[in-house]
Amino acid sequence: MNTLKTTIILLLLLLYSNKNYAQAPYGSAGQQTAVYLNNSNGIPFGYYEYLPQNFNPTSNNTYPVLIFYHGIGEKGNGTTDLYKVLTNGTPKQIQQGMHFPAIVISPQKGSGWFSGADFLTLYNYLLLNYPIDSNRVYITGLSAGGGGVWQALNNHHDKIAAAVPICGAGSISNPATFLQNTNIWIHHNFGDPTVQKTQSINNANRIANNSQTVMNVYPYGANNTAATTDFTMQFNTNTQTWTGNIGIEEPDDKLSFTLYKANGHNAWSTTYNNPSVYNWMFSKTLNSTLSNSSFENITIIPYPNPTKDKINFSKNITSEIINIYDISGKKITSGFNIEENAIDISNFENGIYFLKLKNQTFEIIKN
């Protein structure tokens, strides 16, 4: 009996260790998988790995990659603490059933702070172990993780196609005009008591370096209080000036700064729940915005999923044949509008639907 018990324990330990000693990629298409820290096997961080639904390890295709940096509350040892990374942001959304048209890597850091050197270590590891399109490396993070995004930009902007730092607790070089050629969309709450908005303001000013503050175009309320609406400041690299727009606007050029009117530290829920943020990121390459021809060899992927109103696509779909079926198999012929790269299904009842596009079928959840 003792021999049998010992054998079972050894088998369980072997199964656990195989997660670390298998070769990347570790999971399956459309799945998020925990990869535990194992320095002896060359894994620099414990991390969650998400592979897009069209991922095929036997093909010669390369895929964009999104790196997500957690906040200080999700720091940990990369093994037994790794589950904390699922608390917020992109890995949480994936855990709840959303899919993305990219590999998503969500590492965990013991101190909670990612340095420029950490980014380079992870970047090199990913290029060595995954079929990564090095022209489409994206990075985002919140709070301390947002500070890590700034460190990555400050030290390795030449490797980053687009970045979304959210309430980032970190500073960049002064000046940082070299970042004017990098796609950056900054997000912060006006009344953030944990990481003051001045962190993002200062970084925006250091990039612009035009002897004026970005807040000159902000429509303050009485006594320099928050505006009555969310507001986005846009930087024009040609004129070297700031302009402002009411609402949440993606960068017209390379750099924009969205300042939410809200108090509190959590600016990430509003940011990540906005499909335009991901749509903007995934449209960028290191040198230019993706044209339709750039997508010729990329499988179409719908996101977010689940969705409340709109399904976005990883390429233009105006010329594609789209069929939608309900869970009973009945074809739906009305109630949705096809836009340039999205479908509006806000009129649909909540439930499960099947979207057929070319030779692909996707399960879509409307909630």
Protein backbone atom coordinates (compact mmCIF):
# COMPACT_ATOMS: atom_id res chain seq x y z
CA MET A 1 0.00 0.00 0.00
CA ASN A 2 2.80 2.43 0.91
CA THR A 3 4.52 1.61 -2.38
CA LEU A 4 1.33 2.39 -4.30
CA LYS A 5 0.88 5.69 -2.43
CA THR A 6 4.48 6.67 -3.14
CA THR A 7 4.05 5.85 -6.82
CA ILE A 8 0.91 8.01 -7.07
CA ILE A 9 2.64 10.96 -5.38
CA LEU A 10 5.61 10.67 -7.73
CA LEU A 11 3.31 10.59 -10.75
CA LEU A 12 1.48 13.71 -9.56
CA LEU A 13 4.77 15.52 -9.03
CA LEU A 14 5.89 14.49 -12.49
CA LEU A 15 2.68 15.82 -14.05
CA TYR A 16 3.14 19.14 -12.23
CA SER A 17 6.77 19.46 -13.25
CA ASN A 18 5.95 18.66 -16.87
CA LYS A 19 4.26 22.06 -17.10
CA ASN A 20 7.70 23.56 -16.71
CA TYR A 21 9.79 21.09 -18.65
CA ALA A 22 7.59 20.95 -21.72
CA GLN A 23 8.58 23.18 -24.58
CA ALA A 24 6.86 26.47 -25.33
CA PRO A 25 4.20 27.06 -26.45
CA TYR A 26 2.57 25.21 -23.57
CA GLY A 27 -1.17 25.51 -24.17
CA SER A 28 -3.68 25.12 -26.98
CA ALA A 29 -5.25 27.60 -29.37
CA GLY A 30 -7.85 29.77 -27.65
CA GLN A 31 -6.64 28.77 -24.18
CA GLN A 32 -4.82 30.55 -21.33
CA THR A 33 -2.21 28.40 -19.60
CA ALA A 34 -0.16 28.89 -16.44
CA VAL A 35 3.59 28.55 -17.01
CA TYR A 36 5.50 28.39 -13.75
CA LEU A 37 8.83 30.05 -13.03
CA ASN A 38 11.72 27.67 -13.69
CA ASN A 39 15.12 29.30 -14.06
CA SER A 40 16.78 25.95 -14.75
CA ASN A 41 14.64 25.58 -17.87
CA GLY A 42 15.27 29.12 -19.10
CA ILE A 43 11.86 30.50 -18.11
CA PRO A 44 12.65 34.00 -16.75
CA PHE A 45 9.23 34.65 -15.17
CA GLY A 46 6.19 32.70 -14.20
CA TYR A 47 3.52 33.81 -16.65
CA TYR A 48 0.16 33.14 -18.23
CA GLU A 49 0.26 32.23 -21.89
CA TYR A 50 -2.71 32.82 -24.17
CA LEU A 51 -2.66 31.52 -27.74
CA PRO A 52 -5.08 32.99 -30.31
CA GLN A 53 -7.81 30.83 -31.77
CA ASN A 54 -6.01 30.56 -35.10
CA PHE A 55 -2.70 29.48 -33.54
CA ASN A 56 -1.07 26.60 -35.39
CA PRO A 57 2.31 25.48 -34.04
CA THR A 58 3.04 23.37 -37.12
CA SER A 59 2.60 26.23 -39.59
CA ASN A 60 5.18 28.80 -40.58
CA ASN A 61 2.92 31.65 -39.45
CA THR A 62 4.07 34.29 -37.02
CA TYR A 63 1.76 36.02 -34.56
CA PRO A 64 1.57 39.39 -32.83
CA VAL A 65 2.23 39.35 -29.09
CA LEU A 66 0.74 41.47 -26.32
CA ILE A 67 2.67 41.70 -23.05
CA PHE A 68 0.58 42.57 -19.98
CA TYR A 69 2.18 43.91 -16.78
CA HIS A 70 0.21 43.51 -13.53
CA GLY A 71 -0.04 45.96 -10.63
CA ILE A 72 1.75 45.82 -7.27
CA GLY A 73 -1.12 43.89 -5.67
CA GLU A 74 -0.53 40.97 -8.03
CA LYS A 75 3.19 40.56 -7.39
CA GLY A 76 4.38 37.07 -6.51
CA ASN A 77 6.82 34.21 -6.80
CA GLY A 78 5.75 33.01 -10.25
CA THR A 79 4.51 29.65 -8.98
CA THR A 80 2.02 29.42 -6.11
CA ASP A 81 1.26 33.15 -6.43
CA LEU A 82 0.79 33.13 -10.18
CA TYR A 83 -3.02 33.04 -9.96
CA LYS A 84 -2.95 36.66 -8.72
CA VAL A 85 -2.11 37.81 -12.25
CA LEU A 86 -5.69 36.93 -13.23
CA THR A 87 -7.08 39.64 -10.94
CA ASN A 88 -7.20 42.51 -13.42
CA GLY A 89 -6.84 43.52 -17.04
CA THR A 90 -6.28 41.38 -20.10
CA PRO A 91 -5.62 38.01 -18.37
CA LYS A 92 -8.81 38.48 -16.35
CA GLN A 93 -10.76 39.15 -19.54
CA ILE A 94 -9.32 36.02 -21.14
CA GLN A 95 -10.19 33.99 -18.05
CA GLN A 96 -13.76 35.26 -18.41
CA GLY A 97 -13.94 34.01 -21.99
CA MET A 98 -12.64 36.82 -24.20
CA HIS A 99 -10.40 36.02 -27.16
CA PHE A 100 -7.71 38.11 -28.80
CA PRO A 101 -5.98 38.03 -32.21
CA ALA A 102 -2.55 37.77 -30.61
CA ILE A 103 -0.43 35.73 -28.26
CA VAL A 104 -0.85 37.28 -24.80
CA ILE A 105 1.91 36.89 -22.21
CA SER A 106 1.21 38.04 -18.64
CA PRO A 107 4.36 37.65 -16.50
CA GLN A 108 4.61 37.93 -12.71
CA LYS A 109 7.39 39.82 -10.93
CA GLY A 110 8.35 39.25 -7.31
CA SER A 111 8.78 42.94 -6.51
CA GLY A 112 5.86 44.00 -8.70
CA TRP A 113 8.10 46.36 -10.68
CA PHE A 114 9.24 45.53 -14.21
CA SER A 115 12.45 47.16 -15.39
CA GLY A 116 13.70 47.86 -18.89
CA ALA A 117 16.05 44.90 -18.49
CA ASP A 118 13.07 42.69 -17.56
CA PHE A 119 11.35 43.63 -20.80
CA LEU A 120 14.42 42.76 -22.86
CA THR A 121 14.81 39.41 -21.07
CA LEU A 122 11.19 38.51 -21.72
CA TYR A 123 11.32 39.83 -25.29
CA ASN A 124 14.34 37.67 -26.13
CA TYR A 125 12.75 34.63 -24.47
CA LEU A 126 9.54 35.06 -26.47
CA LEU A 127 11.32 35.46 -29.80
CA LEU A 128 13.36 32.35 -29.07
CA ASN A 129 10.43 30.18 -27.98
CA TYR A 130 7.35 31.46 -29.82
CA PRO A 131 6.55 32.23 -33.49
CA ILE A 132 6.44 35.98 -32.85
CA ASP A 133 6.04 38.71 -35.45
CA SER A 134 8.73 41.07 -34.16
CA ASN A 135 7.09 43.99 -35.96
CA ARG A 136 3.94 43.56 -33.87
CA VAL A 137 5.02 43.53 -30.23
CA TYR A 138 2.57 45.37 -27.97
CA ILE A 139 2.73 46.19 -24.27
CA THR A 140 0.25 47.39 -21.67
CA GLY A 141 0.12 47.53 -17.90
CA LEU A 142 -1.59 49.14 -14.94
CA SER A 143 -0.24 51.08 -11.96
CA ALA A 144 3.17 49.57 -11.16
CA GLY A 145 2.78 47.61 -14.39
CA GLY A 146 2.08 50.86 -16.19
CA GLY A 147 5.38 52.07 -14.79
CA GLY A 148 6.95 48.95 -16.27
CA VAL A 149 5.50 49.92 -19.65
CA TRP A 150 7.21 53.30 -19.34
CA GLN A 151 10.51 51.59 -18.51
CA ALA A 152 10.16 49.32 -21.54
CA LEU A 153 9.47 52.35 -23.73
CA ASN A 154 12.31 54.34 -22.23
CA ASN A 155 14.86 51.61 -22.88
CA HIS A 156 13.55 49.53 -25.80
CA HIS A 157 11.04 51.62 -27.74
CA ASP A 158 12.56 50.34 -30.98
CA LYS A 159 11.04 46.92 -30.27
CA ILE A 160 7.50 48.11 -29.44
CA ALA A 161 4.78 48.70 -32.03
CA ALA A 162 2.28 50.25 -29.61
CA ALA A 163 1.95 50.78 -25.86
CA VAL A 164 -0.92 51.51 -23.46
CA PRO A 165 0.31 52.60 -20.01
CA ILE A 166 -2.56 52.99 -17.52
CA CYS A 167 -2.09 55.09 -14.36
CA GLY A 168 1.58 54.27 -14.75
CA ALA A 169 3.76 54.70 -11.68
CA GLY A 170 7.02 55.56 -13.37
CA SER A 171 8.98 58.27 -15.13
CA ILE A 172 10.87 58.45 -18.41
CA SER A 173 13.87 60.43 -19.57
CA ASN A 174 13.60 64.21 -19.66
CA PRO A 175 13.31 64.99 -22.49
CA ALA A 176 12.03 61.86 -24.24
CA THR A 177 11.45 63.18 -27.74
CA PHE A 178 12.73 59.85 -29.10
CA LEU A 179 9.31 58.44 -28.14
CA GLN A 180 7.48 60.73 -30.58
CA ASN A 181 7.90 57.98 -33.18
CA THR A 182 6.25 55.32 -30.98
CA ASN A 183 2.50 54.70 -30.78
CA ILE A 184 1.48 55.48 -27.18
CA TRP A 185 -2.00 55.92 -25.70
CA ILE A 186 -1.82 57.07 -22.07
CA HIS A 187 -4.76 56.62 -19.64
CA HIS A 188 -5.29 58.02 -16.13
CA ASN A 189 -8.07 59.07 -13.75
CA PHE A 190 -8.14 62.78 -12.86
CA GLY A 191 -8.65 62.08 -9.16
CA ASP A 192 -6.28 59.11 -8.74
CA PRO A 193 -5.09 59.21 -5.09
CA THR A 194 -2.60 56.35 -5.47
CA VAL A 195 -0.63 57.33 -8.56
CA GLN A 196 -1.13 61.03 -9.13
CA LYS A 197 -2.12 62.09 -12.64
CA THR A 198 1.04 64.22 -12.71
CA GLN A 199 2.98 61.01 -13.42
CA SER A 200 1.24 60.66 -16.79
CA ILE A 201 1.20 64.43 -17.38
CA ASN A 202 4.95 64.68 -16.85
CA ASN A 203 5.67 61.76 -19.17
CA ALA A 204 3.45 63.23 -21.88
CA ASN A 205 5.23 66.57 -21.52
CA ARG A 206 8.65 64.93 -21.69
CA ILE A 207 7.74 63.25 -24.97
CA ALA A 208 6.34 66.46 -26.47
CA ASN A 209 9.15 68.63 -25.07
CA ASN A 210 7.57 71.76 -26.54
CA SER A 211 7.87 74.10 -23.54
CA GLN A 212 4.13 73.77 -22.84
CA THR A 213 2.15 71.39 -20.69
CA VAL A 214 -0.41 69.02 -22.15
CA MET A 215 -2.87 70.37 -19.59
CA ASN A 216 -3.03 73.71 -21.38
CA VAL A 217 -5.74 72.23 -23.60
CA TYR A 218 -7.63 70.49 -20.77
CA PRO A 219 -11.07 72.02 -19.95
CA TYR A 220 -10.79 72.20 -16.16
CA GLY A 221 -13.88 72.63 -14.05
CA ALA A 222 -14.17 75.32 -11.38
CA ASN A 223 -11.06 75.74 -9.24
CA ASN A 224 -9.04 73.36 -11.42
CA THR A 225 -11.33 70.42 -10.77
CA ALA A 226 -12.04 67.63 -13.24
CA ALA A 227 -13.82 68.39 -16.49
CA THR A 228 -17.43 67.34 -16.78
CA THR A 229 -16.49 64.64 -19.28
CA ASP A 230 -13.63 62.32 -20.13
CA PHE A 231 -11.14 64.18 -22.30
CA THR A 232 -8.36 63.23 -24.70
CA MET A 233 -5.32 65.34 -25.53
CA GLN A 234 -3.68 64.68 -28.90
CA PHE A 235 -0.09 65.51 -29.84
CA ASN A 236 0.68 66.46 -33.44
CA THR A 237 4.25 65.52 -34.32
CA ASN A 238 4.27 67.82 -37.35
CA THR A 239 3.18 71.01 -35.59
CA GLN A 240 4.57 69.92 -32.19
CA THR A 241 1.37 71.10 -30.50
CA TRP A 242 -1.40 69.66 -28.32
CA THR A 243 -5.10 69.71 -29.16
CA GLY A 244 -8.05 68.40 -27.17
CA ASN A 245 -11.17 66.33 -27.86
CA ILE A 246 -14.16 65.57 -25.69
CA GLY A 247 -14.42 61.87 -24.93
CA ILE A 248 -12.11 58.89 -25.36
CA GLU A 249 -10.20 59.20 -28.62
CA GLU A 250 -7.43 56.99 -30.00
CA PRO A 251 -4.29 58.80 -31.18
CA ASP A 252 -4.75 60.77 -34.39
CA ASP A 253 -0.98 60.75 -34.76
CA LYS A 254 1.32 58.77 -32.45
CA LEU A 255 0.60 60.06 -28.94
CA SER A 256 -2.58 60.75 -27.02
CA PHE A 257 -3.49 61.08 -23.35
CA THR A 258 -7.00 60.21 -22.17
CA LEU A 259 -7.81 61.69 -18.77
CA TYR A 260 -10.96 60.19 -17.28
CA LYS A 261 -13.05 62.46 -15.08
CA ALA A 262 -13.28 59.73 -12.43
CA ASN A 263 -11.72 59.59 -8.99
CA GLY A 264 -10.04 56.45 -7.68
CA HIS A 265 -7.07 54.47 -8.89
CA ASN A 266 -8.85 52.03 -11.19
CA ALA A 267 -8.58 53.48 -14.68
CA TRP A 268 -7.89 50.05 -16.17
CA SER A 269 -11.43 48.67 -16.16
CA THR A 270 -12.70 51.53 -18.33
CA THR A 271 -9.66 51.26 -20.58
CA TYR A 272 -9.65 47.50 -21.12
CA ASN A 273 -13.44 47.32 -21.51
CA ASN A 274 -13.17 49.67 -24.48
CA PRO A 275 -12.67 47.55 -27.64
CA SER A 276 -11.20 50.57 -29.43
CA VAL A 277 -8.09 50.33 -27.25
CA TYR A 278 -7.24 46.81 -28.41
CA ASN A 279 -8.38 47.58 -31.94
CA TRP A 280 -6.01 50.55 -32.08
CA MET A 281 -3.09 48.56 -30.67
CA PHE A 282 -3.46 45.61 -33.00
CA SER A 283 -3.60 47.91 -36.04
CA LYS A 284 -0.03 49.14 -35.45
CA THR A 285 3.33 47.87 -36.60
CA LEU A 286 6.77 49.18 -35.74
CA ASN A 287 6.88 51.31 -38.88
CA SER A 288 3.31 52.02 -39.91
CA THR A 289 -0.37 51.26 -39.54
CA LEU A 290 -1.36 47.95 -41.07
CA SER A 291 -2.93 48.19 -44.50
CA ASN A 292 -5.46 45.69 -45.76
CA SER A 293 -2.78 43.96 -47.84
CA SER A 294 -0.71 43.48 -44.68
CA PHE A 295 -3.38 41.11 -43.41
CA GLU A 296 -3.43 38.81 -46.42
CA ASN A 297 -1.88 35.89 -44.55
CA ILE A 298 -3.54 36.57 -41.19
CA THR A 299 -6.64 34.61 -40.23
CA ILE A 300 -9.60 36.78 -39.26
CA ILE A 301 -10.25 36.75 -35.51
CA PRO A 302 -13.35 38.32 -33.85
CA TYR A 303 -13.01 40.13 -30.51
CA PRO A 304 -14.00 40.93 -27.79
CA ASN A 305 -15.81 37.72 -26.96
CA PRO A 306 -18.11 37.82 -24.97
CA THR A 307 -19.43 41.18 -26.15
CA LYS A 308 -22.30 43.50 -25.27
CA ASP A 309 -22.79 45.27 -28.57
CA LYS A 310 -20.02 45.09 -31.16
CA ILE A 311 -17.69 42.44 -32.57
CA ASN A 312 -14.41 43.76 -33.95
CA PHE A 313 -12.20 41.92 -36.42
CA SER A 314 -8.45 41.70 -36.91
CA LYS A 315 -8.79 42.80 -40.56
CA ASN A 316 -11.19 44.59 -42.88
CA ILE A 317 -14.30 42.47 -43.53
CA THR A 318 -16.35 44.62 -45.89
CA SER A 319 -15.81 42.20 -48.76
CA GLU A 320 -16.31 39.03 -46.72
CA ILE A 321 -19.45 36.86 -46.57
CA ILE A 322 -20.70 36.74 -43.00
CA ASN A 323 -23.43 34.42 -41.72
CA ILE A 324 -24.72 34.38 -38.16
CA TYR A 325 -26.72 31.51 -36.64
CA ASP A 326 -28.45 31.17 -33.28
CA ILE A 327 -27.86 28.21 -30.98
CA SER A 328 -30.64 26.22 -32.69
CA GLY A 329 -28.91 26.59 -36.05
CA LYS A 330 -31.36 29.14 -37.44
CA LYS A 331 -29.72 31.68 -39.75
CA ILE A 332 -30.13 35.29 -38.65
CA THR A 333 -30.65 37.60 -41.60
CA SER A 334 -31.32 40.91 -39.86
CA GLY A 335 -30.54 42.84 -36.70
CA PHE A 336 -26.87 43.44 -37.37
CA ASN A 337 -24.89 46.00 -39.31
CA ILE A 338 -21.54 45.34 -40.99
CA GLU A 339 -19.05 48.16 -40.59
CA GLU A 340 -15.48 48.44 -41.91
CA ASN A 341 -14.04 45.99 -39.40
CA ALA A 342 -16.90 45.28 -37.01
CA ILE A 343 -20.44 43.95 -36.64
CA ASP A 344 -23.01 45.71 -34.46
CA ILE A 345 -25.15 43.08 -32.68
CA SER A 346 -26.55 45.34 -29.97
CA ASN A 347 -30.09 44.39 -31.04
CA PHE A 348 -29.46 40.69 -30.43
CA GLU A 349 -30.88 38.97 -27.37
CA ASN A 350 -28.30 37.70 -24.89
CA GLY A 351 -27.09 34.21 -25.69
CA ILE A 352 -24.76 32.07 -27.79
CA TYR A 353 -24.39 32.62 -31.54
CA PHE A 354 -22.23 31.13 -34.26
CA LEU A 355 -20.50 33.40 -36.74
CA LYS A 356 -19.33 31.86 -40.01
CA LEU A 357 -16.76 33.80 -41.97
CA LYS A 358 -15.08 32.26 -45.01
CA ASN A 359 -14.08 28.76 -43.86
CA GLN A 360 -14.08 29.61 -40.16
CA THR A 361 -16.77 29.27 -37.48
CA PHE A 362 -16.65 31.15 -34.18
CA GLU A 363 -18.83 30.82 -31.11
CA ILE A 364 -19.88 34.32 -30.02
CA ILE A 365 -21.44 35.13 -26.64
CA LYS A 366 -23.73 38.18 -26.44
CA ASN A 367 -24.25 39.36 -22.85
